[in-house]
Amino acid sequence: MSSVGVRELKSRLTHYLRRTKQGEELVVTERGRPIALLQPIRSAQSVKSLEARLAQMAAQGRVALPNRKPLSRVRSVKVSGKAISQMILEDRR
């Protein structure tokens, strides 16, 4: 397991992400003290946030994450007359 300082990680992020993607775990340090563990998502043990859990399941191939923005809020439409459920019941008779 290697360690890398925050400044070095920021300046060479792509390099370290590539190493992590290949399976290497990195300890991120700030002023010589470890503050984070950078590891491949497939090997993460306890993931707490929903986003992290979904990303972990996507990396394992268990789910497919959406690749477009969610739909905007839909306005409700007011309809006059009978209730739709009542009209369906009448239509079935």
C-alpha atoms as a PDB file:
ATOM      1  CA  MET A   1       0.000   0.000   0.000  1.00  0.00           C
ATOM      2  CA  SER A   2       1.489   3.348  -1.062  1.00  0.00           C
ATOM      3  CA  SER A   3       0.902   6.752   0.418  1.00  0.00           C
ATOM      4  CA  VAL A   4       0.566  10.078  -1.331  1.00  0.00           C
ATOM      5  CA  GLY A   5       0.274  13.634  -0.049  1.00  0.00           C
ATOM      6  CA  VAL A   6      -2.723  15.788  -0.860  1.00  0.00           C
ATOM      7  CA  ARG A   7      -0.665  18.221  -2.969  1.00  0.00           C
ATOM      8  CA  GLU A   8       0.889  15.394  -5.013  1.00  0.00           C
ATOM      9  CA  LEU A   9      -2.519  13.740  -5.435  1.00  0.00           C
ATOM     10  CA  LYS A  10      -4.052  16.986  -6.724  1.00  0.00           C
ATOM     11  CA  SER A  11      -1.266  17.596  -9.216  1.00  0.00           C
ATOM     12  CA  ARG A  12      -1.187  14.018 -10.566  1.00  0.00           C
ATOM     13  CA  LEU A  13      -4.752  12.850  -9.958  1.00  0.00           C
ATOM     14  CA  THR A  14      -5.114  10.960 -13.258  1.00  0.00           C
ATOM     15  CA  HIS A  15      -1.955   8.968 -12.553  1.00  0.00           C
ATOM     16  CA  TYR A  16      -3.125   7.914  -9.101  1.00  0.00           C
ATOM     17  CA  LEU A  17      -6.643   7.106 -10.291  1.00  0.00           C
ATOM     18  CA  ARG A  18      -5.137   4.883 -12.968  1.00  0.00           C
ATOM     19  CA  ARG A  19      -3.081   3.074 -10.313  1.00  0.00           C
ATOM     20  CA  THR A  20      -6.171   2.661  -8.134  1.00  0.00           C
ATOM     21  CA  LYS A  21      -8.140   1.343 -11.094  1.00  0.00           C
ATOM     22  CA  GLN A  22      -5.466  -1.352 -11.502  1.00  0.00           C
ATOM     23  CA  GLY A  23      -6.124  -2.519  -7.946  1.00  0.00           C
ATOM     24  CA  GLU A  24      -3.647  -0.550  -5.856  1.00  0.00           C
ATOM     25  CA  GLU A  25      -4.752   1.034  -2.590  1.00  0.00           C
ATOM     26  CA  LEU A  26      -3.379   4.450  -1.674  1.00  0.00           C
ATOM     27  CA  VAL A  27      -3.295   6.205   1.668  1.00  0.00           C
ATOM     28  CA  VAL A  28      -3.810   9.959   1.275  1.00  0.00           C
ATOM     29  CA  THR A  29      -1.852  12.004   3.794  1.00  0.00           C
ATOM     30  CA  GLU A  30      -2.027  15.620   4.903  1.00  0.00           C
ATOM     31  CA  ARG A  31       1.128  16.933   6.559  1.00  0.00           C
ATOM     32  CA  GLY A  32       2.282  13.352   7.057  1.00  0.00           C
ATOM     33  CA  ARG A  33      -0.914  12.164   8.741  1.00  0.00           C
ATOM     34  CA  PRO A  34      -3.219   9.694   6.956  1.00  0.00           C
ATOM     35  CA  ILE A  35      -6.644  11.182   6.248  1.00  0.00           C
ATOM     36  CA  ALA A  36      -8.173   8.957   3.568  1.00  0.00           C
ATOM     37  CA  LEU A  37      -7.899   5.634   1.806  1.00  0.00           C
ATOM     38  CA  LEU A  38      -8.219   5.574  -1.973  1.00  0.00           C
ATOM     39  CA  GLN A  39      -9.126   2.083  -3.143  1.00  0.00           C
ATOM     40  CA  PRO A  40     -10.827   0.415  -6.095  1.00  0.00           C
ATOM     41  CA  ILE A  41     -14.580   0.508  -5.694  1.00  0.00           C
ATOM     42  CA  ARG A  42     -14.808  -3.252  -6.303  1.00  0.00           C
ATOM     43  CA  SER A  43     -12.810  -3.946  -3.146  1.00  0.00           C
ATOM     44  CA  ALA A  44     -14.450  -1.394  -0.848  1.00  0.00           C
ATOM     45  CA  GLN A  45     -15.692  -3.095   2.316  1.00  0.00           C
ATOM     46  CA  SER A  46     -18.144  -0.812   4.076  1.00  0.00           C
ATOM     47  CA  VAL A  47     -19.702   1.814   1.875  1.00  0.00           C
ATOM     48  CA  LYS A  48     -22.095   4.164   3.624  1.00  0.00           C
ATOM     49  CA  SER A  49     -23.644   6.644   1.186  1.00  0.00           C
ATOM     50  CA  LEU A  50     -26.260   5.687  -1.382  1.00  0.00           C
ATOM     51  CA  GLU A  51     -24.162   7.084  -4.237  1.00  0.00           C
ATOM     52  CA  ALA A  52     -21.141   5.048  -3.163  1.00  0.00           C
ATOM     53  CA  ARG A  53     -23.215   1.868  -2.811  1.00  0.00           C
ATOM     54  CA  LEU A  54     -24.726   2.359  -6.269  1.00  0.00           C
ATOM     55  CA  ALA A  55     -21.288   3.019  -7.766  1.00  0.00           C
ATOM     56  CA  GLN A  56     -19.954  -0.131  -6.103  1.00  0.00           C
ATOM     57  CA  MET A  57     -22.833  -2.234  -7.468  1.00  0.00           C
ATOM     58  CA  ALA A  58     -22.313  -0.721 -10.939  1.00  0.00           C
ATOM     59  CA  ALA A  59     -18.627  -1.623 -10.798  1.00  0.00           C
ATOM     60  CA  GLN A  60     -19.614  -5.192  -9.941  1.00  0.00           C
ATOM     61  CA  GLY A  61     -22.060  -5.239 -12.856  1.00  0.00           C
ATOM     62  CA  ARG A  62     -25.109  -5.695 -10.629  1.00  0.00           C
ATOM     63  CA  VAL A  63     -26.881  -2.475 -11.708  1.00  0.00           C
ATOM     64  CA  ALA A  64     -26.672  -0.015 -14.589  1.00  0.00           C
ATOM     65  CA  LEU A  65     -26.540   3.626 -13.590  1.00  0.00           C
ATOM     66  CA  PRO A  66     -28.660   6.129 -15.547  1.00  0.00           C
ATOM     67  CA  ASN A  67     -26.758   8.113 -18.132  1.00  0.00           C
ATOM     68  CA  ARG A  68     -29.107  11.066 -18.528  1.00  0.00           C
ATOM     69  CA  LYS A  69     -30.693  13.711 -16.337  1.00  0.00           C
ATOM     70  CA  PRO A  70     -33.891  12.803 -14.483  1.00  0.00           C
ATOM     71  CA  LEU A  71     -37.149  14.166 -15.802  1.00  0.00           C
ATOM     72  CA  SER A  72     -38.194  17.566 -14.597  1.00  0.00           C
ATOM     73  CA  ARG A  73     -41.133  17.870 -12.265  1.00  0.00           C
ATOM     74  CA  VAL A  74     -44.447  17.107 -13.938  1.00  0.00           C
ATOM     75  CA  ARG A  75     -47.386  19.455 -13.371  1.00  0.00           C
ATOM     76  CA  SER A  76     -50.660  17.887 -12.343  1.00  0.00           C
ATOM     77  CA  VAL A  77     -53.618  18.469 -14.638  1.00  0.00           C
ATOM     78  CA  LYS A  78     -57.085  19.237 -13.304  1.00  0.00           C
ATOM     79  CA  VAL A  79     -59.879  17.469 -15.151  1.00  0.00           C
ATOM     80  CA  SER A  80     -63.530  18.287 -14.723  1.00  0.00           C
ATOM     81  CA  GLY A  81     -66.222  15.639 -14.736  1.00  0.00           C
ATOM     82  CA  LYS A  82     -66.319  12.162 -13.260  1.00  0.00           C
ATOM     83  CA  ALA A  83     -63.368  10.554 -11.622  1.00  0.00           C
ATOM     84  CA  ILE A  84     -61.293   8.387 -13.950  1.00  0.00           C
ATOM     85  CA  SER A  85     -61.739   5.375 -11.684  1.00  0.00           C
ATOM     86  CA  GLN A  86     -65.519   5.771 -11.936  1.00  0.00           C
ATOM     87  CA  MET A  87     -65.346   6.013 -15.725  1.00  0.00           C
ATOM     88  CA  ILE A  88     -63.249   2.819 -15.891  1.00  0.00           C
ATOM     89  CA  LEU A  89     -65.756   0.961 -13.698  1.00  0.00           C
ATOM     90  CA  GLU A  90     -68.632   2.092 -15.909  1.00  0.00           C
ATOM     91  CA  ASP A  91     -66.723   1.067 -19.034  1.00  0.00           C
ATOM     92  CA  ARG A  92     -66.188  -2.454 -17.670  1.00  0.00           C
ATOM     93  CA  ARG A  93     -69.923  -3.026 -17.214  1.00  0.00           C
END
